[in-house]
Amino acid sequence: MPITYHIEPARKWLEMKLSGHVSMEEAAEATHRLFSDPNYSDDLCGIIDCREMTDVLKLTELRGLADMQLARPGPAWRSRRAVLVSSPEHYSTARLFMVFAEAGPVQFSVFYNMEAALQWLKE
C-alpha cells in the first residue's frame, strides 16, 4: 500500500506516509479511509511524509484532493500538518496543494527536513 497512516488520539497526532507510485484513485481512497477512521478528527496535527513518492500528481488531481479538504467542517481553530518532500518537483506540487486547500480546516506547510517541520508544528 503506497499510503499508510497512524493516529495517536491522546496526542492529537497524525503520521501519514506516501511512497512509490501514488495514483489519484489511491490518494482519494486513502483520504476517505482516513476521514472514516473513528480516531480521526480535523484537529489532529502531524506529518505527511512524501519523501519516498516517485511520481508527481497532476494539477487537476491536486485540486481534487484539496476539494476533499475544503468539504470538511473542521474545528474552530486550524490544525497544522507538515508535508515533507525530497525534490523540487514535489515541493512545488505540495505548495500548489497548500494554496488550493488554504480555506480548509487544516493549515499545510511544506518542508525538506523533519527538524524544520517539527519546529513549525510546535509554533
N, C-alpha and C. Protein backbone atom coordinates (compact mmCIF):
# COMPACT_ATOMS: atom_id res chain seq x y z
N MET A 1 0.86 -1.19 0.00
CA MET A 1 0.00 0.00 0.00
C MET A 1 0.89 1.23 0.00
N PRO A 2 0.75 2.08 -1.00
CA PRO A 2 1.62 3.26 -1.07
C PRO A 2 1.27 4.35 -0.06
N ILE A 3 0.11 4.25 0.61
CA ILE A 3 -0.28 5.27 1.58
C ILE A 3 -0.68 4.59 2.88
N THR A 4 0.03 4.95 3.94
CA THR A 4 -0.30 4.42 5.26
C THR A 4 -0.42 5.60 6.23
N TYR A 5 -1.12 5.36 7.33
CA TYR A 5 -1.21 6.41 8.34
C TYR A 5 -1.31 5.79 9.73
N HIS A 6 -0.98 6.60 10.71
CA HIS A 6 -1.07 6.20 12.11
C HIS A 6 -1.58 7.40 12.91
N ILE A 7 -2.59 7.15 13.73
CA ILE A 7 -3.18 8.21 14.56
C ILE A 7 -2.93 7.90 16.02
N GLU A 8 -2.48 8.91 16.76
CA GLU A 8 -2.35 8.82 18.21
C GLU A 8 -3.38 9.79 18.81
N PRO A 9 -4.59 9.31 19.12
CA PRO A 9 -5.66 10.20 19.59
C PRO A 9 -5.31 10.99 20.84
N ALA A 10 -4.60 10.39 21.78
CA ALA A 10 -4.28 11.08 23.03
C ALA A 10 -3.37 12.29 22.78
N ARG A 11 -2.48 12.18 21.81
CA ARG A 11 -1.57 13.29 21.46
C ARG A 11 -2.16 14.21 20.40
N LYS A 12 -3.32 13.81 19.85
CA LYS A 12 -3.91 14.53 18.71
C LYS A 12 -2.89 14.64 17.59
N TRP A 13 -2.34 13.48 17.20
CA TRP A 13 -1.22 13.41 16.28
C TRP A 13 -1.53 12.45 15.13
N LEU A 14 -1.13 12.83 13.92
CA LEU A 14 -1.30 12.03 12.72
C LEU A 14 0.03 11.92 12.00
N GLU A 15 0.38 10.71 11.60
CA GLU A 15 1.53 10.50 10.73
C GLU A 15 1.04 9.74 9.52
N MET A 16 1.31 10.29 8.34
CA MET A 16 0.91 9.66 7.09
C MET A 16 2.14 9.54 6.22
N LYS A 17 2.24 8.42 5.48
CA LYS A 17 3.39 8.22 4.60
C LYS A 17 2.89 7.80 3.22
N LEU A 18 3.43 8.47 2.21
CA LEU A 18 3.15 8.15 0.82
C LEU A 18 4.46 7.71 0.19
N SER A 19 4.45 6.56 -0.49
CA SER A 19 5.68 6.06 -1.08
C SER A 19 5.41 5.41 -2.43
N GLY A 20 6.44 5.39 -3.27
CA GLY A 20 6.31 4.79 -4.58
C GLY A 20 5.37 5.57 -5.46
N HIS A 21 4.72 4.87 -6.38
CA HIS A 21 3.73 5.48 -7.28
C HIS A 21 2.41 5.60 -6.53
N VAL A 22 1.87 6.80 -6.47
CA VAL A 22 0.58 7.06 -5.83
C VAL A 22 -0.35 7.63 -6.88
N SER A 23 -1.41 6.90 -7.19
CA SER A 23 -2.39 7.38 -8.17
C SER A 23 -3.42 8.26 -7.47
N MET A 24 -4.14 9.02 -8.25
CA MET A 24 -5.21 9.85 -7.70
C MET A 24 -6.25 8.98 -7.02
N GLU A 25 -6.57 7.84 -7.61
CA GLU A 25 -7.55 6.92 -7.02
C GLU A 25 -7.09 6.43 -5.65
N GLU A 26 -5.81 6.09 -5.54
CA GLU A 26 -5.27 5.63 -4.26
C GLU A 26 -5.27 6.76 -3.24
N ALA A 27 -4.93 7.96 -3.67
CA ALA A 27 -4.92 9.10 -2.76
C ALA A 27 -6.34 9.41 -2.28
N ALA A 28 -7.31 9.37 -3.17
CA ALA A 28 -8.70 9.63 -2.79
C ALA A 28 -9.21 8.54 -1.86
N GLU A 29 -8.90 7.30 -2.15
CA GLU A 29 -9.33 6.18 -1.29
C GLU A 29 -8.71 6.30 0.10
N ALA A 30 -7.43 6.63 0.16
CA ALA A 30 -6.76 6.78 1.45
C ALA A 30 -7.35 7.95 2.24
N THR A 31 -7.70 9.03 1.55
CA THR A 31 -8.31 10.19 2.21
C THR A 31 -9.66 9.82 2.78
N HIS A 32 -10.47 9.10 2.01
CA HIS A 32 -11.79 8.66 2.51
C HIS A 32 -11.63 7.71 3.70
N ARG A 33 -10.65 6.81 3.60
CA ARG A 33 -10.39 5.86 4.70
C ARG A 33 -9.97 6.62 5.96
N LEU A 34 -9.10 7.61 5.80
CA LEU A 34 -8.65 8.41 6.93
C LEU A 34 -9.82 9.15 7.57
N PHE A 35 -10.62 9.84 6.75
CA PHE A 35 -11.76 10.60 7.27
C PHE A 35 -12.80 9.71 7.94
N SER A 36 -12.85 8.44 7.55
CA SER A 36 -13.81 7.49 8.13
C SER A 36 -13.29 6.82 9.39
N ASP A 37 -12.02 6.94 9.66
CA ASP A 37 -11.43 6.30 10.84
C ASP A 37 -12.03 6.94 12.09
N PRO A 38 -12.51 6.13 13.04
CA PRO A 38 -13.12 6.71 14.25
C PRO A 38 -12.14 7.53 15.10
N ASN A 39 -10.86 7.33 14.93
CA ASN A 39 -9.86 8.11 15.67
C ASN A 39 -9.48 9.41 14.98
N TYR A 40 -9.96 9.61 13.75
CA TYR A 40 -9.60 10.81 13.00
C TYR A 40 -10.48 11.99 13.41
N SER A 41 -9.85 13.15 13.47
CA SER A 41 -10.58 14.41 13.56
C SER A 41 -9.71 15.46 12.87
N ASP A 42 -10.35 16.54 12.44
CA ASP A 42 -9.61 17.58 11.74
C ASP A 42 -8.66 18.34 12.65
N ASP A 43 -8.77 18.14 13.96
CA ASP A 43 -7.87 18.86 14.86
C ASP A 43 -6.56 18.12 15.12
N LEU A 44 -6.30 17.03 14.39
CA LEU A 44 -5.03 16.33 14.51
C LEU A 44 -3.93 17.11 13.79
N CYS A 45 -2.83 17.33 14.47
CA CYS A 45 -1.65 17.90 13.83
C CYS A 45 -0.74 16.74 13.44
N GLY A 46 0.21 16.99 12.57
CA GLY A 46 1.13 15.91 12.26
C GLY A 46 1.93 16.09 10.99
N ILE A 47 2.48 14.96 10.54
CA ILE A 47 3.42 14.90 9.43
C ILE A 47 2.82 14.08 8.30
N ILE A 48 2.96 14.60 7.08
CA ILE A 48 2.63 13.85 5.88
C ILE A 48 3.94 13.69 5.12
N ASP A 49 4.49 12.49 5.16
CA ASP A 49 5.82 12.22 4.61
C ASP A 49 5.70 11.74 3.17
N CYS A 50 6.10 12.59 2.23
CA CYS A 50 6.04 12.27 0.80
C CYS A 50 7.43 12.07 0.21
N ARG A 51 8.43 11.92 1.05
CA ARG A 51 9.81 11.87 0.57
C ARG A 51 10.11 10.66 -0.30
N GLU A 52 9.31 9.60 -0.20
CA GLU A 52 9.56 8.40 -0.99
C GLU A 52 8.60 8.25 -2.17
N MET A 53 7.82 9.29 -2.46
CA MET A 53 6.95 9.25 -3.65
C MET A 53 7.80 9.32 -4.91
N THR A 54 7.42 8.57 -5.92
CA THR A 54 8.19 8.57 -7.16
C THR A 54 7.56 9.42 -8.25
N ASP A 55 6.26 9.67 -8.18
CA ASP A 55 5.56 10.45 -9.20
C ASP A 55 5.07 11.76 -8.61
N VAL A 56 4.70 12.67 -9.49
CA VAL A 56 4.14 13.95 -9.09
C VAL A 56 2.69 13.98 -9.56
N LEU A 57 1.77 14.35 -8.68
CA LEU A 57 0.37 14.42 -9.05
C LEU A 57 0.13 15.59 -10.00
N LYS A 58 -0.87 15.44 -10.85
CA LYS A 58 -1.24 16.48 -11.82
C LYS A 58 -2.04 17.58 -11.12
N LEU A 59 -2.10 18.73 -11.77
CA LEU A 59 -2.81 19.88 -11.22
C LEU A 59 -4.27 19.56 -10.91
N THR A 60 -4.95 18.88 -11.79
CA THR A 60 -6.36 18.53 -11.55
C THR A 60 -6.50 17.56 -10.38
N GLU A 61 -5.53 16.68 -10.21
CA GLU A 61 -5.56 15.74 -9.09
C GLU A 61 -5.36 16.48 -7.77
N LEU A 62 -4.44 17.44 -7.78
CA LEU A 62 -4.22 18.25 -6.57
C LEU A 62 -5.47 19.01 -6.18
N ARG A 63 -6.15 19.57 -7.18
CA ARG A 63 -7.38 20.32 -6.92
C ARG A 63 -8.44 19.38 -6.32
N GLY A 64 -8.54 18.17 -6.83
CA GLY A 64 -9.50 17.20 -6.30
C GLY A 64 -9.21 16.85 -4.85
N LEU A 65 -7.96 16.64 -4.51
CA LEU A 65 -7.59 16.34 -3.12
C LEU A 65 -7.84 17.54 -2.21
N ALA A 66 -7.55 18.73 -2.71
CA ALA A 66 -7.81 19.93 -1.92
C ALA A 66 -9.30 20.12 -1.70
N ASP A 67 -10.11 19.82 -2.70
CA ASP A 67 -11.56 19.94 -2.56
C ASP A 67 -12.09 19.02 -1.46
N MET A 68 -11.47 17.86 -1.29
CA MET A 68 -11.86 16.96 -0.19
C MET A 68 -11.59 17.62 1.15
N GLN A 69 -10.47 18.33 1.26
CA GLN A 69 -10.15 19.05 2.49
C GLN A 69 -11.13 20.18 2.73
N LEU A 70 -11.47 20.90 1.67
CA LEU A 70 -12.36 22.06 1.79
C LEU A 70 -13.77 21.65 2.18
N ALA A 71 -14.15 20.43 1.90
CA ALA A 71 -15.50 19.95 2.22
C ALA A 71 -15.67 19.61 3.70
N ARG A 72 -14.58 19.54 4.43
CA ARG A 72 -14.61 19.19 5.86
C ARG A 72 -15.08 20.39 6.67
N PRO A 73 -15.91 20.16 7.70
CA PRO A 73 -16.35 21.28 8.53
C PRO A 73 -15.22 21.85 9.38
N GLY A 74 -14.36 20.99 9.89
CA GLY A 74 -13.18 21.44 10.63
C GLY A 74 -13.46 21.95 12.03
N PRO A 75 -12.41 22.07 12.83
CA PRO A 75 -12.53 22.60 14.19
C PRO A 75 -12.61 24.13 14.16
N ALA A 76 -12.85 24.69 15.31
CA ALA A 76 -12.93 26.16 15.42
C ALA A 76 -11.57 26.79 15.15
N TRP A 77 -10.50 26.08 15.37
CA TRP A 77 -9.15 26.56 15.09
C TRP A 77 -8.55 25.65 14.03
N ARG A 78 -7.53 26.11 13.34
CA ARG A 78 -6.91 25.31 12.28
C ARG A 78 -5.77 24.48 12.84
N SER A 79 -5.82 23.18 12.58
CA SER A 79 -4.70 22.32 12.94
C SER A 79 -3.61 22.47 11.88
N ARG A 80 -2.45 21.93 12.17
CA ARG A 80 -1.31 22.06 11.26
C ARG A 80 -0.81 20.69 10.82
N ARG A 81 -0.48 20.59 9.55
CA ARG A 81 0.12 19.37 9.01
C ARG A 81 1.30 19.77 8.15
N ALA A 82 2.46 19.24 8.50
CA ALA A 82 3.69 19.50 7.76
C ALA A 82 3.85 18.43 6.69
N VAL A 83 4.09 18.86 5.47
CA VAL A 83 4.31 17.95 4.35
C VAL A 83 5.81 17.90 4.07
N LEU A 84 6.38 16.70 4.15
CA LEU A 84 7.81 16.51 3.89
C LEU A 84 8.01 16.03 2.46
N VAL A 85 8.93 16.65 1.74
CA VAL A 85 9.24 16.27 0.37
C VAL A 85 10.75 16.17 0.20
N SER A 86 11.16 15.58 -0.94
CA SER A 86 12.60 15.41 -1.17
C SER A 86 13.09 15.98 -2.49
N SER A 87 12.19 16.55 -3.29
CA SER A 87 12.62 17.08 -4.58
C SER A 87 11.93 18.41 -4.86
N PRO A 88 12.53 19.23 -5.72
CA PRO A 88 11.89 20.49 -6.09
C PRO A 88 10.53 20.29 -6.75
N GLU A 89 10.37 19.22 -7.55
CA GLU A 89 9.09 18.95 -8.19
C GLU A 89 8.00 18.67 -7.16
N HIS A 90 8.33 17.85 -6.16
CA HIS A 90 7.35 17.55 -5.11
C HIS A 90 7.10 18.77 -4.23
N TYR A 91 8.11 19.58 -4.02
CA TYR A 91 7.93 20.81 -3.25
C TYR A 91 6.92 21.72 -3.94
N SER A 92 7.11 21.93 -5.24
CA SER A 92 6.19 22.80 -6.00
C SER A 92 4.77 22.24 -5.99
N THR A 93 4.64 20.94 -6.16
CA THR A 93 3.33 20.30 -6.17
C THR A 93 2.66 20.44 -4.81
N ALA A 94 3.40 20.20 -3.75
CA ALA A 94 2.83 20.31 -2.40
C ALA A 94 2.44 21.75 -2.09
N ARG A 95 3.21 22.71 -2.57
CA ARG A 95 2.85 24.12 -2.37
C ARG A 95 1.56 24.48 -3.11
N LEU A 96 1.37 23.94 -4.29
CA LEU A 96 0.12 24.16 -5.01
C LEU A 96 -1.06 23.59 -4.23
N PHE A 97 -0.89 22.37 -3.72
CA PHE A 97 -1.95 21.78 -2.90
C PHE A 97 -2.25 22.68 -1.70
N MET A 98 -1.21 23.17 -1.07
CA MET A 98 -1.35 24.05 0.09
C MET A 98 -2.19 25.28 -0.25
N VAL A 99 -1.94 25.87 -1.40
CA VAL A 99 -2.70 27.03 -1.84
C VAL A 99 -4.15 26.65 -2.11
N PHE A 100 -4.38 25.54 -2.79
CA PHE A 100 -5.74 25.09 -3.10
C PHE A 100 -6.54 24.81 -1.83
N ALA A 101 -5.88 24.29 -0.80
CA ALA A 101 -6.57 23.90 0.44
C ALA A 101 -6.55 24.99 1.50
N GLU A 102 -6.10 26.18 1.16
CA GLU A 102 -5.90 27.26 2.13
C GLU A 102 -7.14 27.57 2.98
N ALA A 103 -8.31 27.51 2.41
CA ALA A 103 -9.53 27.87 3.15
C ALA A 103 -10.08 26.71 3.98
N GLY A 104 -9.42 25.57 3.98
CA GLY A 104 -9.90 24.40 4.71
C GLY A 104 -9.56 24.42 6.19
N PRO A 105 -9.97 23.38 6.91
CA PRO A 105 -9.77 23.32 8.35
C PRO A 105 -8.34 23.00 8.79
N VAL A 106 -7.49 22.61 7.83
CA VAL A 106 -6.11 22.24 8.16
C VAL A 106 -5.16 23.18 7.44
N GLN A 107 -4.17 23.67 8.17
CA GLN A 107 -3.12 24.51 7.59
C GLN A 107 -1.95 23.61 7.22
N PHE A 108 -1.54 23.67 5.96
CA PHE A 108 -0.42 22.87 5.48
C PHE A 108 0.79 23.76 5.24
N SER A 109 1.98 23.19 5.44
CA SER A 109 3.21 23.86 5.06
C SER A 109 4.17 22.77 4.57
N VAL A 110 5.09 23.13 3.70
CA VAL A 110 5.95 22.15 3.03
C VAL A 110 7.39 22.32 3.47
N PHE A 111 8.06 21.19 3.70
CA PHE A 111 9.44 21.20 4.22
C PHE A 111 10.28 20.13 3.55
N TYR A 112 11.58 20.36 3.54
CA TYR A 112 12.54 19.36 3.06
C TYR A 112 13.09 18.51 4.20
N ASN A 113 13.03 19.00 5.44
CA ASN A 113 13.60 18.18 6.53
C ASN A 113 12.67 18.12 7.73
N MET A 114 12.79 17.03 8.45
CA MET A 114 11.92 16.73 9.58
C MET A 114 12.07 17.75 10.71
N GLU A 115 13.28 18.20 10.99
CA GLU A 115 13.50 19.13 12.09
C GLU A 115 12.73 20.44 11.89
N ALA A 116 12.82 20.99 10.69
CA ALA A 116 12.09 22.23 10.40
C ALA A 116 10.59 22.01 10.47
N ALA A 117 10.13 20.86 10.00
CA ALA A 117 8.70 20.55 10.05
C ALA A 117 8.21 20.46 11.49
N LEU A 118 8.95 19.76 12.34
CA LEU A 118 8.56 19.62 13.74
C LEU A 118 8.59 20.96 14.45
N GLN A 119 9.56 21.79 14.13
CA GLN A 119 9.63 23.12 14.73
C GLN A 119 8.40 23.95 14.37
N TRP A 120 7.98 23.91 13.12
CA TRP A 120 6.79 24.64 12.68
C TRP A 120 5.53 24.11 13.40
N LEU A 121 5.48 22.82 13.59
CA LEU A 121 4.31 22.23 14.26
C LEU A 121 4.24 22.65 15.72
N LYS A 122 5.37 22.94 16.34
CA LYS A 122 5.41 23.36 17.74
C LYS A 122 5.03 24.83 17.93
N GLU A 123 5.13 25.63 16.88
CA GLU A 123 4.87 27.08 16.99
C GLU A 123 3.42 27.35 17.33
